[in-house]
Amino acid sequence: MIIDGMRAPDRPGVHASVHHGHAIPRDGDYFGSVINLTARLLSAAGRDELVATRPAVERCPDITWQPGGTRYLRGVQGPVEVFKLLA
């Protein structure tokens, strides 16, 4: 896993966010509310953490997730349930 590989003190910290939904492909890039939510969700991830929304967690039943509460994210309507990947 990338996070494990970068965990050494002499390496930069890694954080990531995951959401599931429909993105709009255009000219080699992706757009839409799914992309916006995923980008805003990144603020909920600390160093060496991967965070996800419930739709992403439900698509990964063999992975262990820890509930992280709800967050209000800029540009996203309503609270978002956040989960943290357990290593």
C-alpha atoms as a PDB file:
ATOM      1  CA  MET A   1       0.000   0.000   0.000  1.00  0.00           C
ATOM      2  CA  ILE A   2       1.235   3.482  -0.824  1.00  0.00           C
ATOM      3  CA  ILE A   3       0.594   4.854   2.662  1.00  0.00           C
ATOM      4  CA  ASP A   4       2.657   2.079   4.279  1.00  0.00           C
ATOM      5  CA  GLY A   5       5.497   2.660   1.839  1.00  0.00           C
ATOM      6  CA  MET A   6       5.588   6.390   2.584  1.00  0.00           C
ATOM      7  CA  ARG A   7       5.269   6.097   6.374  1.00  0.00           C
ATOM      8  CA  ALA A   8       9.023   6.507   7.049  1.00  0.00           C
ATOM      9  CA  PRO A   9       9.919   9.771   8.832  1.00  0.00           C
ATOM     10  CA  ASP A  10      12.154  10.883   5.965  1.00  0.00           C
ATOM     11  CA  ARG A  11       9.305  10.675   3.431  1.00  0.00           C
ATOM     12  CA  PRO A  12       6.400  13.046   2.846  1.00  0.00           C
ATOM     13  CA  GLY A  13       3.078  12.176   4.451  1.00  0.00           C
ATOM     14  CA  VAL A  14       0.332  10.769   2.275  1.00  0.00           C
ATOM     15  CA  HIS A  15      -3.410  11.238   2.600  1.00  0.00           C
ATOM     16  CA  ALA A  16      -6.253  10.294   0.279  1.00  0.00           C
ATOM     17  CA  SER A  17     -10.026  10.373  -0.090  1.00  0.00           C
ATOM     18  CA  VAL A  18     -12.471   8.121  -1.923  1.00  0.00           C
ATOM     19  CA  HIS A  19     -16.099   8.561  -2.966  1.00  0.00           C
ATOM     20  CA  HIS A  20     -18.295   6.564  -5.336  1.00  0.00           C
ATOM     21  CA  GLY A  21     -20.656   7.993  -7.909  1.00  0.00           C
ATOM     22  CA  HIS A  22     -20.964   9.172 -11.488  1.00  0.00           C
ATOM     23  CA  ALA A  23     -18.291  11.537 -12.820  1.00  0.00           C
ATOM     24  CA  ILE A  24     -18.450  13.308 -16.151  1.00  0.00           C
ATOM     25  CA  PRO A  25     -15.439  12.582 -18.401  1.00  0.00           C
ATOM     26  CA  ARG A  26     -14.353  15.382 -20.717  1.00  0.00           C
ATOM     27  CA  ASP A  27     -11.087  16.010 -22.555  1.00  0.00           C
ATOM     28  CA  GLY A  28      -9.093  13.583 -20.398  1.00  0.00           C
ATOM     29  CA  ASP A  29     -10.391  14.974 -17.100  1.00  0.00           C
ATOM     30  CA  TYR A  30     -13.408  14.350 -14.846  1.00  0.00           C
ATOM     31  CA  PHE A  31     -16.004  16.778 -13.540  1.00  0.00           C
ATOM     32  CA  GLY A  32     -19.137  16.872 -11.394  1.00  0.00           C
ATOM     33  CA  SER A  33     -20.367  16.838  -7.819  1.00  0.00           C
ATOM     34  CA  VAL A  34     -18.702  13.462  -7.152  1.00  0.00           C
ATOM     35  CA  ILE A  35     -15.298  14.948  -7.962  1.00  0.00           C
ATOM     36  CA  ASN A  36     -15.996  18.043  -5.860  1.00  0.00           C
ATOM     37  CA  LEU A  37     -17.054  15.963  -2.849  1.00  0.00           C
ATOM     38  CA  THR A  38     -13.973  13.740  -3.122  1.00  0.00           C
ATOM     39  CA  ALA A  39     -11.672  16.765  -3.310  1.00  0.00           C
ATOM     40  CA  ARG A  40     -13.331  18.428  -0.297  1.00  0.00           C
ATOM     41  CA  LEU A  41     -13.270  15.139   1.656  1.00  0.00           C
ATOM     42  CA  LEU A  42      -9.479  15.150   1.470  1.00  0.00           C
ATOM     43  CA  SER A  43      -9.494  17.791   4.234  1.00  0.00           C
ATOM     44  CA  ALA A  44     -10.821  15.101   6.611  1.00  0.00           C
ATOM     45  CA  ALA A  45      -7.776  12.871   6.057  1.00  0.00           C
ATOM     46  CA  GLY A  46      -4.790  13.247   8.333  1.00  0.00           C
ATOM     47  CA  ARG A  47      -1.230  12.178   7.590  1.00  0.00           C
ATOM     48  CA  ASP A  48      -1.075   8.536   6.482  1.00  0.00           C
ATOM     49  CA  GLU A  49      -4.875   8.243   6.309  1.00  0.00           C
ATOM     50  CA  LEU A  50      -7.366   7.275   3.639  1.00  0.00           C
ATOM     51  CA  VAL A  51     -10.939   8.453   4.214  1.00  0.00           C
ATOM     52  CA  ALA A  52     -14.066   7.468   2.344  1.00  0.00           C
ATOM     53  CA  THR A  53     -17.791   8.153   2.157  1.00  0.00           C
ATOM     54  CA  ARG A  54     -20.485   5.563   2.848  1.00  0.00           C
ATOM     55  CA  PRO A  55     -21.074   4.855  -0.884  1.00  0.00           C
ATOM     56  CA  ALA A  56     -17.392   3.956  -1.301  1.00  0.00           C
ATOM     57  CA  VAL A  57     -17.302   1.900   1.912  1.00  0.00           C
ATOM     58  CA  GLU A  58     -20.361  -0.088   0.845  1.00  0.00           C
ATOM     59  CA  ARG A  59     -18.546  -1.055  -2.377  1.00  0.00           C
ATOM     60  CA  CYS A  60     -15.602  -2.441  -0.352  1.00  0.00           C
ATOM     61  CA  PRO A  61     -17.151  -4.942   2.113  1.00  0.00           C
ATOM     62  CA  ASP A  62     -13.892  -6.876   2.624  1.00  0.00           C
ATOM     63  CA  ILE A  63     -12.045  -3.806   3.927  1.00  0.00           C
ATOM     64  CA  THR A  64     -12.248  -2.684   7.558  1.00  0.00           C
ATOM     65  CA  TRP A  65     -13.372   0.901   8.072  1.00  0.00           C
ATOM     66  CA  GLN A  66     -13.687   2.980  11.231  1.00  0.00           C
ATOM     67  CA  PRO A  67     -16.570   5.458  11.445  1.00  0.00           C
ATOM     68  CA  GLY A  68     -15.208   8.998  11.599  1.00  0.00           C
ATOM     69  CA  GLY A  69     -18.404  10.929  12.194  1.00  0.00           C
ATOM     70  CA  THR A  70     -19.955  13.464   9.873  1.00  0.00           C
ATOM     71  CA  ARG A  71     -18.452  16.553   8.295  1.00  0.00           C
ATOM     72  CA  TYR A  72     -19.803  19.612   6.591  1.00  0.00           C
ATOM     73  CA  LEU A  73     -17.699  20.201   3.509  1.00  0.00           C
ATOM     74  CA  ARG A  74     -17.512  23.469   1.574  1.00  0.00           C
ATOM     75  CA  GLY A  75     -19.593  23.307  -1.588  1.00  0.00           C
ATOM     76  CA  VAL A  76     -21.356  20.083  -0.535  1.00  0.00           C
ATOM     77  CA  GLN A  77     -24.978  20.201   0.551  1.00  0.00           C
ATOM     78  CA  GLY A  78     -25.617  18.571   3.933  1.00  0.00           C
ATOM     79  CA  PRO A  79     -23.334  16.547   6.197  1.00  0.00           C
ATOM     80  CA  VAL A  80     -21.130  13.778   4.791  1.00  0.00           C
ATOM     81  CA  GLU A  81     -20.504  10.561   6.716  1.00  0.00           C
ATOM     82  CA  VAL A  82     -16.756   9.861   6.862  1.00  0.00           C
ATOM     83  CA  PHE A  83     -14.948   6.544   7.393  1.00  0.00           C
ATOM     84  CA  LYS A  84     -11.227   5.912   7.924  1.00  0.00           C
ATOM     85  CA  LEU A  85      -9.402   2.924   6.498  1.00  0.00           C
ATOM     86  CA  LEU A  86      -7.991   0.664   9.194  1.00  0.00           C
ATOM     87  CA  ALA A  87      -4.592  -0.772   8.305  1.00  0.00           C
END
